N, C-alpha and C. Protein backbone atom coordinates (compact mmCIF):
# COMPACT_ATOMS: atom_id res chain seq x y z
N MET A 1 -58.35 2.91 60.68
CA MET A 1 -57.55 2.40 59.59
C MET A 1 -57.72 3.28 58.36
N ALA A 2 -58.89 3.86 58.20
CA ALA A 2 -59.13 4.71 57.04
C ALA A 2 -58.19 5.92 57.04
N HIS A 3 -57.90 6.44 58.23
CA HIS A 3 -56.99 7.59 58.31
C HIS A 3 -55.59 7.20 57.84
N ALA A 4 -55.13 6.05 58.25
CA ALA A 4 -53.81 5.57 57.82
C ALA A 4 -53.78 5.34 56.32
N ARG A 5 -54.88 4.79 55.79
CA ARG A 5 -54.95 4.55 54.35
C ARG A 5 -54.90 5.87 53.59
N ARG A 6 -55.68 6.86 54.04
CA ARG A 6 -55.70 8.15 53.35
C ARG A 6 -54.34 8.83 53.40
N LYS A 7 -53.71 8.82 54.56
CA LYS A 7 -52.38 9.44 54.68
C LYS A 7 -51.38 8.74 53.77
N SER A 8 -51.41 7.42 53.77
CA SER A 8 -50.49 6.66 52.92
C SER A 8 -50.76 6.94 51.46
N HIS A 9 -52.03 7.00 51.09
CA HIS A 9 -52.40 7.29 49.70
C HIS A 9 -51.93 8.68 49.30
N ASP A 10 -52.16 9.67 50.17
CA ASP A 10 -51.73 11.03 49.88
C ASP A 10 -50.22 11.12 49.70
N LEU A 11 -49.48 10.47 50.59
CA LEU A 11 -48.02 10.46 50.47
C LEU A 11 -47.58 9.77 49.19
N HIS A 12 -48.23 8.67 48.87
CA HIS A 12 -47.87 7.91 47.67
C HIS A 12 -48.18 8.72 46.41
N ALA A 13 -49.24 9.50 46.43
CA ALA A 13 -49.60 10.32 45.27
C ALA A 13 -48.56 11.40 45.01
N VAL A 14 -48.01 11.96 46.09
CA VAL A 14 -47.02 13.03 45.96
C VAL A 14 -45.63 12.49 45.69
N ARG A 15 -45.26 11.44 46.42
CA ARG A 15 -43.92 10.89 46.30
C ARG A 15 -43.98 9.37 46.41
N PRO A 16 -44.32 8.71 45.31
CA PRO A 16 -44.40 7.24 45.36
C PRO A 16 -43.05 6.61 45.70
N ASN A 17 -43.09 5.64 46.58
CA ASN A 17 -41.87 4.91 46.91
C ASN A 17 -42.26 3.54 47.46
N ASP A 18 -41.26 2.74 47.73
CA ASP A 18 -41.51 1.37 48.19
C ASP A 18 -42.25 1.33 49.53
N VAL A 19 -41.96 2.28 50.40
CA VAL A 19 -42.57 2.29 51.73
C VAL A 19 -44.07 2.57 51.63
N THR A 20 -44.44 3.61 50.87
CA THR A 20 -45.86 3.93 50.75
C THR A 20 -46.60 2.84 49.99
N GLU A 21 -45.96 2.26 49.01
CA GLU A 21 -46.58 1.16 48.26
C GLU A 21 -46.83 -0.04 49.17
N GLU A 22 -45.86 -0.37 50.00
CA GLU A 22 -46.02 -1.49 50.93
C GLU A 22 -47.11 -1.19 51.96
N ALA A 23 -47.16 0.04 52.45
CA ALA A 23 -48.20 0.41 53.41
C ALA A 23 -49.58 0.23 52.80
N LEU A 24 -49.76 0.69 51.58
CA LEU A 24 -51.06 0.54 50.90
C LEU A 24 -51.39 -0.92 50.65
N ARG A 25 -50.39 -1.70 50.32
CA ARG A 25 -50.62 -3.13 50.09
C ARG A 25 -51.08 -3.81 51.38
N ARG A 26 -50.43 -3.49 52.48
CA ARG A 26 -50.79 -4.10 53.76
C ARG A 26 -52.19 -3.68 54.21
N ILE A 27 -52.52 -2.42 54.00
CA ILE A 27 -53.85 -1.94 54.35
C ILE A 27 -54.90 -2.67 53.52
N CYS A 28 -54.62 -2.88 52.24
CA CYS A 28 -55.53 -3.62 51.36
C CYS A 28 -55.75 -5.03 51.90
N VAL A 29 -54.69 -5.66 52.35
CA VAL A 29 -54.81 -7.01 52.92
C VAL A 29 -55.72 -6.98 54.15
N LEU A 30 -55.56 -5.97 54.99
CA LEU A 30 -56.41 -5.86 56.18
C LEU A 30 -57.88 -5.68 55.80
N TYR A 31 -58.14 -4.87 54.79
CA TYR A 31 -59.52 -4.69 54.35
C TYR A 31 -60.11 -6.00 53.85
N LYS A 32 -59.31 -6.79 53.14
CA LYS A 32 -59.79 -8.08 52.64
C LYS A 32 -60.08 -9.04 53.79
N ILE A 33 -59.22 -9.05 54.79
CA ILE A 33 -59.44 -9.90 55.97
C ILE A 33 -60.73 -9.47 56.67
N GLU A 34 -60.88 -8.17 56.85
CA GLU A 34 -62.07 -7.65 57.51
C GLU A 34 -63.33 -8.05 56.75
N GLU A 35 -63.29 -7.98 55.44
CA GLU A 35 -64.44 -8.37 54.62
C GLU A 35 -64.80 -9.84 54.82
N GLN A 36 -63.79 -10.68 54.92
CA GLN A 36 -64.01 -12.11 55.07
C GLN A 36 -64.62 -12.47 56.42
N ILE A 37 -64.27 -11.73 57.47
CA ILE A 37 -64.76 -12.12 58.80
C ILE A 37 -65.91 -11.26 59.30
N ARG A 38 -66.32 -10.27 58.51
CA ARG A 38 -67.43 -9.42 58.93
C ARG A 38 -68.66 -10.29 59.22
N GLY A 39 -69.29 -10.04 60.35
CA GLY A 39 -70.47 -10.79 60.73
C GLY A 39 -70.17 -12.03 61.56
N LYS A 40 -68.92 -12.36 61.71
CA LYS A 40 -68.53 -13.52 62.51
C LYS A 40 -68.01 -12.98 63.84
N SER A 41 -68.93 -12.77 64.78
CA SER A 41 -68.62 -12.04 66.00
C SER A 41 -67.45 -12.62 66.79
N HIS A 42 -67.28 -13.93 66.77
CA HIS A 42 -66.18 -14.53 67.54
C HIS A 42 -64.82 -14.15 66.95
N LEU A 43 -64.79 -13.68 65.72
CA LEU A 43 -63.53 -13.27 65.11
C LEU A 43 -63.29 -11.77 65.18
N MET A 44 -64.31 -11.01 65.55
CA MET A 44 -64.18 -9.55 65.55
C MET A 44 -63.14 -9.06 66.55
N ASN A 45 -63.00 -9.71 67.70
CA ASN A 45 -61.97 -9.32 68.66
C ASN A 45 -60.59 -9.52 68.06
N ASP A 46 -60.40 -10.62 67.34
CA ASP A 46 -59.13 -10.86 66.67
C ASP A 46 -58.85 -9.77 65.65
N LEU A 47 -59.88 -9.34 64.93
CA LEU A 47 -59.73 -8.29 63.94
C LEU A 47 -59.27 -7.00 64.60
N ALA A 48 -59.89 -6.64 65.71
CA ALA A 48 -59.52 -5.41 66.40
C ALA A 48 -58.06 -5.46 66.83
N CYS A 49 -57.61 -6.58 67.34
CA CYS A 49 -56.21 -6.73 67.74
C CYS A 49 -55.29 -6.62 66.52
N THR A 50 -55.67 -7.28 65.45
CA THR A 50 -54.86 -7.24 64.24
C THR A 50 -54.76 -5.83 63.70
N ARG A 51 -55.87 -5.11 63.68
CA ARG A 51 -55.86 -3.73 63.19
C ARG A 51 -54.91 -2.87 64.01
N ARG A 52 -54.99 -3.00 65.33
CA ARG A 52 -54.11 -2.19 66.19
C ARG A 52 -52.65 -2.51 65.91
N GLU A 53 -52.32 -3.79 65.78
CA GLU A 53 -50.94 -4.18 65.53
C GLU A 53 -50.45 -3.63 64.19
N TRP A 54 -51.26 -3.77 63.15
CA TRP A 54 -50.86 -3.29 61.82
C TRP A 54 -50.73 -1.77 61.82
N CYS A 55 -51.66 -1.09 62.47
CA CYS A 55 -51.58 0.37 62.51
C CYS A 55 -50.32 0.83 63.23
N ARG A 56 -49.96 0.13 64.30
CA ARG A 56 -48.72 0.45 65.00
C ARG A 56 -47.53 0.25 64.08
N CYS A 57 -47.54 -0.83 63.32
CA CYS A 57 -46.44 -1.11 62.40
C CYS A 57 -46.35 -0.05 61.31
N LEU A 58 -47.48 0.43 60.85
CA LEU A 58 -47.50 1.42 59.78
C LEU A 58 -47.05 2.79 60.24
N THR A 59 -47.21 3.09 61.53
CA THR A 59 -46.90 4.42 62.01
C THR A 59 -45.53 4.52 62.68
N THR A 60 -44.83 3.40 62.81
CA THR A 60 -43.51 3.47 63.44
C THR A 60 -42.41 3.27 62.44
């Protein structure tokens, strides 16, 4: 996820637009979710699935 965040940030720094702003906003939401469930092992599988889905959405 960090790679997607860096790429989105770099693109936004060069050419800010609604798409890069939305990508950064969504990544921020994912980081907040991850922070909330860190250490709760029964939720970590859900996090992994969510990350994959969001990353797919961000790259397509």
